[in-house]
Protein backbone atom coordinates (compact mmCIF):
# COMPACT_ATOMS: atom_id res chain seq x y z
CA MET A 1 0.00 0.00 0.00
CA ASN A 2 1.36 3.40 -1.01
CA ILE A 3 0.72 5.58 2.07
CA LYS A 4 1.27 8.93 0.32
CA LEU A 5 -1.13 8.03 -2.50
CA GLU A 6 -3.81 6.91 -0.03
CA GLU A 7 -3.41 10.15 1.95
CA ARG A 8 -3.81 12.13 -1.24
CA LYS A 9 -6.94 10.23 -2.32
CA ILE A 10 -8.60 10.76 1.07
CA THR A 11 -7.68 14.47 1.07
CA ILE A 12 -9.14 14.95 -2.42
CA ALA A 13 -12.39 13.19 -1.49
CA HIS A 14 -12.59 15.30 1.69
CA ARG A 15 -12.12 18.57 -0.18
CA LEU A 16 -14.62 17.62 -2.89
CA LEU A 17 -17.16 16.78 -0.17
CA HIS A 18 -16.71 20.21 1.43
CA LYS A 19 -16.89 21.93 -1.93
CA ARG A 20 -20.30 20.31 -2.57
CA LEU A 21 -21.48 21.16 0.94
CA ARG A 22 -20.50 24.83 0.54
CA ARG A 23 -22.57 25.01 -2.63
CA GLY A 24 -25.64 23.94 -0.66
CA PHE A 25 -26.09 20.41 -1.94
CA GLY A 26 -26.34 19.07 1.61
CA TYR A 27 -27.11 15.35 1.66
CA ASP A 28 -26.84 15.20 -2.13
CA ASP A 29 -23.06 15.48 -1.93
CA GLY A 30 -22.39 13.26 -4.94
CA GLY A 31 -21.30 10.31 -2.79
CA TYR A 32 -18.08 11.97 -1.62
CA HIS A 33 -18.93 11.25 2.03
CA ASN A 34 -19.22 7.54 1.23
CA LEU A 35 -16.07 7.63 -0.91
CA ARG A 36 -14.08 9.27 1.89
CA ALA A 37 -15.38 6.71 4.42
CA PHE A 38 -14.58 3.83 2.03
CA LEU A 39 -11.00 5.04 1.53
CA ILE A 40 -10.42 5.52 5.26
CA ASN A 41 -11.89 2.10 6.11
CA ARG A 42 -9.84 0.41 3.39
CA VAL A 43 -6.56 1.76 4.79
CA GLU A 44 -7.45 0.71 8.32
CA GLN A 45 -8.69 -2.75 7.32
CA GLN A 46 -5.75 -3.53 5.04
CA SER A 47 -3.33 -2.68 7.84
CA ASN A 48 -5.29 -4.91 10.23
CA TYR A 49 -6.12 -1.75 12.20
CA LYS A 50 -2.47 -0.94 12.91
CA LEU A 51 -2.80 2.34 11.00
CA ILE A 52 -5.23 5.17 11.62
CA VAL A 53 -6.28 8.05 9.37
CA GLU A 54 -6.12 11.41 11.09
CA LEU A 55 -8.39 14.00 9.46
CA ASP A 56 -10.29 17.00 10.83
CA GLY A 57 -13.71 16.48 9.28
CA ALA A 58 -14.94 20.02 10.03
CA ASP A 59 -11.98 21.75 8.35
CA PRO A 60 -12.35 21.91 4.54
CA GLU A 61 -8.59 22.38 4.14
CA SER A 62 -7.61 19.47 6.37
CA VAL A 63 -5.00 17.06 5.01
CA ALA A 64 -5.26 13.34 5.75
CA LYS A 65 -2.35 11.78 7.62
CA ILE A 66 -1.95 8.04 8.02
CA ARG A 67 -0.28 7.22 11.31
CA ASN A 68 0.57 4.25 13.47
CA ARG A 69 -2.39 3.65 15.81
CA ASP A 70 -0.25 2.93 18.91
CA GLU A 71 1.84 6.08 18.45
CA TYR A 72 -1.28 8.18 17.90
CA LEU A 73 -2.97 6.87 21.05
CA LYS A 74 0.19 7.35 23.15
CA GLU A 75 0.51 10.92 21.89
CA LYS A 76 -3.15 11.72 22.51
CA TYR A 77 -3.73 9.93 25.83
CA GLY A 78 -0.26 9.33 27.23
CA ASP A 79 1.35 6.04 28.20
CA ASP A 80 -1.75 4.85 30.10
CA TRP A 81 -3.98 4.63 27.03
CA ARG A 82 -4.51 0.89 27.35
């Protein structure tokens, strides 16, 4: 799996979703919400949930980052995350 390519695909789907939402399409977003979810789930499932996709869903300019799940949880919650 090419991590940089997957990050780019998720970022593009995310930005297209926000572009449609800004234009007032609402729930008729052209399927970009489902596409973004599919791409994120595919990365996590293929890595056997060892990778996580970090993306701020509310920010239209957010860039997807694929990170190691253990490192992300340690950074967010400290060493006692388990």
